Amino acid sequence: MSAMEVGRVCLKTRGREAGGRCVIVDIIDRNYVLVTGLQGEVRRRRVNMSHLQPLDEKVAIEKDASDEEVAAELQKLNQ
């Protein structure tokens, strides 16, 4: 099992969104993933895997889930 998989919660380590929590929505290739997070924290964008730190948490989402679905799952984790 890879640490970088759809639904894995990660911490951005570089860029203007550094420190923000995000969720992997799709794996683009061996270097890049598509992530999204809570509004105001991390926008939906392509990110280099070396700029992410995977966390132990994982949310139950499908590949290419909408921002709203991901936000709802992250809210459940925060409770």
PDB file of N, CA and C in Angstrom:
ATOM      1  N   MET A   1       0.846  -1.182   0.000  1.00  0.00           N
ATOM      2  CA  MET A   1       0.000   0.000   0.000  1.00  0.00           C
ATOM      3  C   MET A   1       0.890   1.244   0.000  1.00  0.00           C
ATOM      4  N   SER A   2       0.638   2.135  -0.928  1.00  0.00           N
ATOM      5  CA  SER A   2       1.393   3.369  -1.054  1.00  0.00           C
ATOM      6  C   SER A   2       0.873   4.424  -0.082  1.00  0.00           C
ATOM      7  N   ALA A   3       1.766   5.270   0.392  1.00  0.00           N
ATOM      8  CA  ALA A   3       1.349   6.355   1.282  1.00  0.00           C
ATOM      9  C   ALA A   3       0.578   7.410   0.501  1.00  0.00           C
ATOM     10  N   MET A   4       0.874   7.541  -0.776  1.00  0.00           N
ATOM     11  CA  MET A   4       0.191   8.516  -1.621  1.00  0.00           C
ATOM     12  C   MET A   4      -0.917   7.806  -2.389  1.00  0.00           C
ATOM     13  N   GLU A   5      -2.139   7.893  -1.862  1.00  0.00           N
ATOM     14  CA  GLU A   5      -3.295   7.253  -2.479  1.00  0.00           C
ATOM     15  C   GLU A   5      -4.485   8.189  -2.371  1.00  0.00           C
ATOM     16  N   VAL A   6      -5.486   7.952  -3.198  1.00  0.00           N
ATOM     17  CA  VAL A   6      -6.690   8.784  -3.179  1.00  0.00           C
ATOM     18  C   VAL A   6      -7.334   8.700  -1.800  1.00  0.00           C
ATOM     19  N   GLY A   7      -7.624   9.865  -1.230  1.00  0.00           N
ATOM     20  CA  GLY A   7      -8.240   9.931   0.087  1.00  0.00           C
ATOM     21  C   GLY A   7      -7.260  10.192   1.218  1.00  0.00           C
ATOM     22  N   ARG A   8      -5.971  10.101   0.953  1.00  0.00           N
ATOM     23  CA  ARG A   8      -4.959  10.327   1.992  1.00  0.00           C
ATOM     24  C   ARG A   8      -4.910  11.814   2.355  1.00  0.00           C
ATOM     25  N   VAL A   9      -4.937  12.111   3.643  1.00  0.00           N
ATOM     26  CA  VAL A   9      -4.811  13.490   4.125  1.00  0.00           C
ATOM     27  C   VAL A   9      -3.323  13.804   4.225  1.00  0.00           C
ATOM     28  N   CYS A  10      -2.936  14.979   3.692  1.00  0.00           N
ATOM     29  CA  CYS A  10      -1.528  15.379   3.667  1.00  0.00           C
ATOM     30  C   CYS A  10      -1.376  16.795   4.193  1.00  0.00           C
ATOM     31  N   LEU A  11      -0.143  17.139   4.498  1.00  0.00           N
ATOM     32  CA  LEU A  11       0.215  18.483   4.913  1.00  0.00           C
ATOM     33  C   LEU A  11       1.108  19.061   3.827  1.00  0.00           C
ATOM     34  N   LYS A  12       0.768  20.254   3.322  1.00  0.00           N
ATOM     35  CA  LYS A  12       1.620  20.898   2.321  1.00  0.00           C
ATOM     36  C   LYS A  12       2.836  21.470   3.024  1.00  0.00           C
ATOM     37  N   THR A  13       4.021  21.195   2.485  1.00  0.00           N
ATOM     38  CA  THR A  13       5.256  21.627   3.129  1.00  0.00           C
ATOM     39  C   THR A  13       5.918  22.798   2.429  1.00  0.00           C
ATOM     40  N   ARG A  14       5.493  23.128   1.221  1.00  0.00           N
ATOM     41  CA  ARG A  14       6.124  24.214   0.470  1.00  0.00           C
ATOM     42  C   ARG A  14       5.074  25.059  -0.227  1.00  0.00           C
ATOM     43  N   GLY A  15       5.466  26.289  -0.549  1.00  0.00           N
ATOM     44  CA  GLY A  15       4.574  27.184  -1.280  1.00  0.00           C
ATOM     45  C   GLY A  15       3.755  28.066  -0.358  1.00  0.00           C
ATOM     46  N   ARG A  16       2.901  28.875  -0.951  1.00  0.00           N
ATOM     47  CA  ARG A  16       2.114  29.826  -0.159  1.00  0.00           C
ATOM     48  C   ARG A  16       1.076  29.136   0.707  1.00  0.00           C
ATOM     49  N   GLU A  17       0.736  27.897   0.385  1.00  0.00           N
ATOM     50  CA  GLU A  17      -0.237  27.140   1.184  1.00  0.00           C
ATOM     51  C   GLU A  17       0.448  26.193   2.168  1.00  0.00           C
ATOM     52  N   ALA A  18       1.742  26.394   2.413  1.00  0.00           N
ATOM     53  CA  ALA A  18       2.494  25.528   3.330  1.00  0.00           C
ATOM     54  C   ALA A  18       1.830  25.518   4.701  1.00  0.00           C
ATOM     55  N   GLY A  19       1.703  24.335   5.267  1.00  0.00           N
ATOM     56  CA  GLY A  19       1.054  24.179   6.564  1.00  0.00           C
ATOM     57  C   GLY A  19      -0.413  23.830   6.461  1.00  0.00           C
ATOM     58  N   GLY A  20      -0.978  23.909   5.252  1.00  0.00           N
ATOM     59  CA  GLY A  20      -2.389  23.595   5.047  1.00  0.00           C
ATOM     60  C   GLY A  20      -2.615  22.101   4.872  1.00  0.00           C
ATOM     61  N   ARG A  21      -3.744  21.615   5.402  1.00  0.00           N
ATOM     62  CA  ARG A  21      -4.108  20.208   5.229  1.00  0.00           C
ATOM     63  C   ARG A  21      -4.902  20.058   3.942  1.00  0.00           C
ATOM     64  N   CYS A  22      -4.615  18.996   3.210  1.00  0.00           N
ATOM     65  CA  CYS A  22      -5.304  18.736   1.951  1.00  0.00           C
ATOM     66  C   CYS A  22      -5.528  17.238   1.805  1.00  0.00           C
ATOM     67  N   VAL A  23      -6.324  16.876   0.800  1.00  0.00           N
ATOM     68  CA  VAL A  23      -6.643  15.475   0.524  1.00  0.00           C
ATOM     69  C   VAL A  23      -6.277  15.177  -0.924  1.00  0.00           C
ATOM     70  N   ILE A  24      -5.661  14.034  -1.165  1.00  0.00           N
ATOM     71  CA  ILE A  24      -5.342  13.618  -2.536  1.00  0.00           C
ATOM     72  C   ILE A  24      -6.626  13.158  -3.208  1.00  0.00           C
ATOM     73  N   VAL A  25      -6.947  13.789  -4.353  1.00  0.00           N
ATOM     74  CA  VAL A  25      -8.168  13.495  -5.091  1.00  0.00           C
ATOM     75  C   VAL A  25      -7.879  12.608  -6.299  1.00  0.00           C
ATOM     76  N   ASP A  26      -6.681  12.743  -6.881  1.00  0.00           N
ATOM     77  CA  ASP A  26      -6.318  11.950  -8.054  1.00  0.00           C
ATOM     78  C   ASP A  26      -4.799  11.866  -8.137  1.00  0.00           C
ATOM     79  N   ILE A  27      -4.297  10.782  -8.699  1.00  0.00           N
ATOM     80  CA  ILE A  27      -2.868  10.632  -8.939  1.00  0.00           C
ATOM     81  C   ILE A  27      -2.644  10.866 -10.425  1.00  0.00           C
ATOM     82  N   ILE A  28      -1.884  11.911 -10.761  1.00  0.00           N
ATOM     83  CA  ILE A  28      -1.680  12.299 -12.157  1.00  0.00           C
ATOM     84  C   ILE A  28      -0.596  11.439 -12.799  1.00  0.00           C
ATOM     85  N   ASP A  29       0.571  11.385 -12.190  1.00  0.00           N
ATOM     86  CA  ASP A  29       1.649  10.506 -12.646  1.00  0.00           C
ATOM     87  C   ASP A  29       2.540  10.192 -11.449  1.00  0.00           C
ATOM     88  N   ARG A  30       3.756   9.714 -11.682  1.00  0.00           N
ATOM     89  CA  ARG A  30       4.572   9.288 -10.550  1.00  0.00           C
ATOM     90  C   ARG A  30       5.136  10.447  -9.735  1.00  0.00           C
ATOM     91  N   ASN A  31       5.000  11.683 -10.227  1.00  0.00           N
ATOM     92  CA  ASN A  31       5.518  12.845  -9.510  1.00  0.00           C
ATOM     93  C   ASN A  31       4.444  13.796  -8.999  1.00  0.00           C
ATOM     94  N   TYR A  32       3.256  13.777  -9.596  1.00  0.00           N
ATOM     95  CA  TYR A  32       2.238  14.773  -9.282  1.00  0.00           C
ATOM     96  C   TYR A  32       0.907  14.144  -8.880  1.00  0.00           C
ATOM     97  N   VAL A  33       0.213  14.835  -7.965  1.00  0.00           N
ATOM     98  CA  VAL A  33      -1.132  14.441  -7.549  1.00  0.00           C
ATOM     99  C   VAL A  33      -2.025  15.674  -7.599  1.00  0.00           C
ATOM    100  N   LEU A  34      -3.334  15.442  -7.655  1.00  0.00           N
ATOM    101  CA  LEU A  34      -4.322  16.513  -7.585  1.00  0.00           C
ATOM    102  C   LEU A  34      -4.842  16.539  -6.160  1.00  0.00           C
ATOM    103  N   VAL A  35      -4.772  17.714  -5.514  1.00  0.00           N
ATOM    104  CA  VAL A  35      -5.219  17.837  -4.126  1.00  0.00           C
ATOM    105  C   VAL A  35      -6.253  18.943  -4.005  1.00  0.00           C
ATOM    106  N   THR A  36      -7.006  18.894  -2.933  1.00  0.00           N
ATOM    107  CA  THR A  36      -7.911  19.977  -2.561  1.00  0.00           C
ATOM    108  C   THR A  36      -8.061  19.951  -1.051  1.00  0.00           C
ATOM    109  N   GLY A  37      -8.505  21.081  -0.508  1.00  0.00           N
ATOM    110  CA  GLY A  37      -8.666  21.180   0.939  1.00  0.00           C
ATOM    111  C   GLY A  37      -9.842  22.061   1.284  1.00  0.00           C
ATOM    112  N   LEU A  38      -9.891  22.473   2.535  1.00  0.00           N
ATOM    113  CA  LEU A  38     -10.965  23.358   2.966  1.00  0.00           C
ATOM    114  C   LEU A  38     -10.822  24.715   2.287  1.00  0.00           C
ATOM    115  N   GLN A  39     -11.948  25.384   2.078  1.00  0.00           N
ATOM    116  CA  GLN A  39     -11.931  26.691   1.428  1.00  0.00           C
ATOM    117  C   GLN A  39     -11.100  27.657   2.264  1.00  0.00           C
ATOM    118  N   GLY A  40     -10.210  28.381   1.620  1.00  0.00           N
ATOM    119  CA  GLY A  40      -9.339  29.313   2.309  1.00  0.00           C
ATOM    120  C   GLY A  40      -8.049  28.692   2.803  1.00  0.00           C
ATOM    121  N   GLU A  41      -7.936  27.373   2.701  1.00  0.00           N
ATOM    122  CA  GLU A  41      -6.723  26.697   3.168  1.00  0.00           C
ATOM    123  C   GLU A  41      -5.887  26.194   1.993  1.00  0.00           C
ATOM    124  N   VAL A  42      -6.454  25.316   1.171  1.00  0.00           N
ATOM    125  CA  VAL A  42      -5.744  24.768   0.013  1.00  0.00           C
ATOM    126  C   VAL A  42      -6.708  24.698  -1.163  1.00  0.00           C
ATOM    127  N   ARG A  43      -6.319  25.341  -2.279  1.00  0.00           N
ATOM    128  CA  ARG A  43      -7.126  25.284  -3.503  1.00  0.00           C
ATOM    129  C   ARG A  43      -6.910  23.955  -4.213  1.00  0.00           C
ATOM    130  N   ARG A  44      -7.849  23.597  -5.083  1.00  0.00           N
ATOM    131  CA  ARG A  44      -7.710  22.384  -5.899  1.00  0.00           C
ATOM    132  C   ARG A  44      -6.632  22.651  -6.940  1.00  0.00           C
ATOM    133  N   ARG A  45      -5.564  21.862  -6.901  1.00  0.00           N
ATOM    134  CA  ARG A  45      -4.457  22.075  -7.827  1.00  0.00           C
ATOM    135  C   ARG A  45      -3.548  20.858  -7.910  1.00  0.00           C
ATOM    136  N   ARG A  46      -2.707  20.866  -8.940  1.00  0.00           N
ATOM    137  CA  ARG A  46      -1.698  19.827  -9.122  1.00  0.00           C
ATOM    138  C   ARG A  46      -0.512  20.167  -8.224  1.00  0.00           C
ATOM    139  N   VAL A  47      -0.011  19.159  -7.499  1.00  0.00           N
ATOM    140  CA  VAL A  47       1.077  19.380  -6.544  1.00  0.00           C
ATOM    141  C   VAL A  47       2.128  18.290  -6.713  1.00  0.00           C
ATOM    142  N   ASN A  48       3.378  18.689  -6.618  1.00  0.00           N
ATOM    143  CA  ASN A  48       4.479  17.738  -6.628  1.00  0.00           C
ATOM    144  C   ASN A  48       4.427  16.922  -5.334  1.00  0.00           C
ATOM    145  N   MET A  49       4.558  15.608  -5.437  1.00  0.00           N
ATOM    146  CA  MET A  49       4.484  14.738  -4.254  1.00  0.00           C
ATOM    147  C   MET A  49       5.559  15.064  -3.226  1.00  0.00           C
ATOM    148  N   SER A  50       6.698  15.595  -3.680  1.00  0.00           N
ATOM    149  CA  SER A  50       7.765  15.922  -2.730  1.00  0.00           C
ATOM    150  C   SER A  50       7.417  17.144  -1.880  1.00  0.00           C
ATOM    151  N   HIS A  51       6.337  17.847  -2.213  1.00  0.00           N
ATOM    152  CA  HIS A  51       5.888  19.005  -1.442  1.00  0.00           C
ATOM    153  C   HIS A  51       4.780  18.641  -0.464  1.00  0.00           C
ATOM    154  N   LEU A  52       4.521  17.347  -0.299  1.00  0.00           N
ATOM    155  CA  LEU A  52       3.468  16.876   0.604  1.00  0.00           C
ATOM    156  C   LEU A  52       4.049  15.943   1.656  1.00  0.00           C
ATOM    157  N   GLN A  53       3.494  16.029   2.860  1.00  0.00           N
ATOM    158  CA  GLN A  53       3.836  15.082   3.924  1.00  0.00           C
ATOM    159  C   GLN A  53       2.569  14.305   4.251  1.00  0.00           C
ATOM    160  N   PRO A  54       2.511  13.010   3.907  1.00  0.00           N
ATOM    161  CA  PRO A  54       1.298  12.234   4.193  1.00  0.00           C
ATOM    162  C   PRO A  54       1.089  12.067   5.694  1.00  0.00           C
ATOM    163  N   LEU A  55      -0.162  12.172   6.121  1.00  0.00           N
ATOM    164  CA  LEU A  55      -0.528  11.976   7.520  1.00  0.00           C
ATOM    165  C   LEU A  55      -1.161  10.598   7.685  1.00  0.00           C
ATOM    166  N   ASP A  56      -1.397  10.184   8.900  1.00  0.00           N
ATOM    167  CA  ASP A  56      -1.976   8.866   9.170  1.00  0.00           C
ATOM    168  C   ASP A  56      -3.458   8.806   8.830  1.00  0.00           C
ATOM    169  N   GLU A  57      -4.099   9.957   8.646  1.00  0.00           N
ATOM    170  CA  GLU A  57      -5.539  10.005   8.407  1.00  0.00           C
ATOM    171  C   GLU A  57      -5.864   9.735   6.942  1.00  0.00           C
ATOM    172  N   LYS A  58      -7.041   9.161   6.723  1.00  0.00           N
ATOM    173  CA  LYS A  58      -7.532   8.909   5.367  1.00  0.00           C
ATOM    174  C   LYS A  58      -9.036   9.107   5.379  1.00  0.00           C
ATOM    175  N   VAL A  59      -9.566   9.719   4.311  1.00  0.00           N
ATOM    176  CA  VAL A  59     -11.008   9.929   4.201  1.00  0.00           C
ATOM    177  C   VAL A  59     -11.556   9.045   3.089  1.00  0.00           C
ATOM    178  N   ALA A  60     -12.819   8.697   3.209  1.00  0.00           N
ATOM    179  CA  ALA A  60     -13.465   7.814   2.231  1.00  0.00           C
ATOM    180  C   ALA A  60     -14.070   8.657   1.119  1.00  0.00           C
ATOM    181  N   ILE A  61     -13.290   8.874   0.052  1.00  0.00           N
ATOM    182  CA  ILE A  61     -13.784   9.607  -1.117  1.00  0.00           C
ATOM    183  C   ILE A  61     -13.456   8.803  -2.367  1.00  0.00           C
ATOM    184  N   GLU A  62     -14.188   9.096  -3.422  1.00  0.00           N
ATOM    185  CA  GLU A  62     -13.925   8.485  -4.722  1.00  0.00           C
ATOM    186  C   GLU A  62     -12.909   9.341  -5.481  1.00  0.00           C
ATOM    187  N   LYS A  63     -12.282   8.765  -6.491  1.00  0.00           N
ATOM    188  CA  LYS A  63     -11.375   9.507  -7.358  1.00  0.00           C
ATOM    189  C   LYS A  63     -12.142  10.655  -8.010  1.00  0.00           C
ATOM    190  N   ASP A  64     -11.530  11.824  -8.113  1.00  0.00           N
ATOM    191  CA  ASP A  64     -12.118  13.040  -8.695  1.00  0.00           C
ATOM    192  C   ASP A  64     -13.329  13.531  -7.913  1.00  0.00           C
ATOM    193  N   ALA A  65     -13.338  13.363  -6.603  1.00  0.00           N
ATOM    194  CA  ALA A  65     -14.433  13.854  -5.762  1.00  0.00           C
ATOM    195  C   ALA A  65     -14.474  15.380  -5.822  1.00  0.00           C
ATOM    196  N   SER A  66     -15.655  15.937  -5.625  1.00  0.00           N
ATOM    197  CA  SER A  66     -15.816  17.394  -5.672  1.00  0.00           C
ATOM    198  C   SER A  66     -15.232  18.030  -4.414  1.00  0.00           C
ATOM    199  N   ASP A  67     -15.006  19.339  -4.494  1.00  0.00           N
ATOM    200  CA  ASP A  67     -14.480  20.073  -3.342  1.00  0.00           C
ATOM    201  C   ASP A  67     -15.432  19.984  -2.155  1.00  0.00           C
ATOM    202  N   GLU A  68     -16.732  19.989  -2.424  1.00  0.00           N
ATOM    203  CA  GLU A  68     -17.734  19.928  -1.358  1.00  0.00           C
ATOM    204  C   GLU A  68     -17.687  18.587  -0.626  1.00  0.00           C
ATOM    205  N   GLU A  69     -17.529  17.491  -1.386  1.00  0.00           N
ATOM    206  CA  GLU A  69     -17.440  16.159  -0.775  1.00  0.00           C
ATOM    207  C   GLU A  69     -16.200  16.047   0.115  1.00  0.00           C
ATOM    208  N   VAL A  70     -15.087  16.570  -0.378  1.00  0.00           N
ATOM    209  CA  VAL A  70     -13.844  16.520   0.391  1.00  0.00           C
ATOM    210  C   VAL A  70     -13.965  17.373   1.650  1.00  0.00           C
ATOM    211  N   ALA A  71     -14.541  18.573   1.525  1.00  0.00           N
ATOM    212  CA  ALA A  71     -14.705  19.458   2.683  1.00  0.00           C
ATOM    213  C   ALA A  71     -15.585  18.800   3.746  1.00  0.00           C
ATOM    214  N   ALA A  72     -16.642  18.116   3.318  1.00  0.00           N
ATOM    215  CA  ALA A  72     -17.531  17.440   4.269  1.00  0.00           C
ATOM    216  C   ALA A  72     -16.783  16.337   5.016  1.00  0.00           C
ATOM    217  N   GLU A  73     -15.959  15.571   4.313  1.00  0.00           N
ATOM    218  CA  GLU A  73     -15.192  14.495   4.953  1.00  0.00           C
ATOM    219  C   GLU A  73     -14.137  15.059   5.909  1.00  0.00           C
ATOM    220  N   LEU A  74     -13.499  16.178   5.527  1.00  0.00           N
ATOM    221  CA  LEU A  74     -12.517  16.793   6.418  1.00  0.00           C
ATOM    222  C   LEU A  74     -13.184  17.333   7.680  1.00  0.00           C
ATOM    223  N   GLN A  75     -14.394  17.864   7.537  1.00  0.00           N
ATOM    224  CA  GLN A  75     -15.131  18.355   8.704  1.00  0.00           C
ATOM    225  C   GLN A  75     -15.434  17.204   9.664  1.00  0.00           C
ATOM    226  N   LYS A  76     -15.773  16.028   9.117  1.00  0.00           N
ATOM    227  CA  LYS A  76     -16.032  14.853   9.960  1.00  0.00           C
ATOM    228  C   LYS A  76     -14.776  14.464  10.751  1.00  0.00           C
ATOM    229  N   LEU A  77     -13.611  14.560  10.096  1.00  0.00           N
ATOM    230  CA  LEU A  77     -12.350  14.225  10.764  1.00  0.00           C
ATOM    231  C   LEU A  77     -12.051  15.186  11.910  1.00  0.00           C
ATOM    232  N   ASN A  78     -12.399  16.452  11.735  1.00  0.00           N
ATOM    233  CA  ASN A  78     -12.072  17.477  12.729  1.00  0.00           C
ATOM    234  C   ASN A  78     -12.943  17.405  13.969  1.00  0.00           C
ATOM    235  N   GLN A  79     -14.026  16.657  13.927  1.00  0.00           N
ATOM    236  CA  GLN A  79     -14.938  16.599  15.079  1.00  0.00           C
ATOM    237  C   GLN A  79     -14.451  15.659  16.133  1.00  0.00           C
TER     238      GLN A  79
END
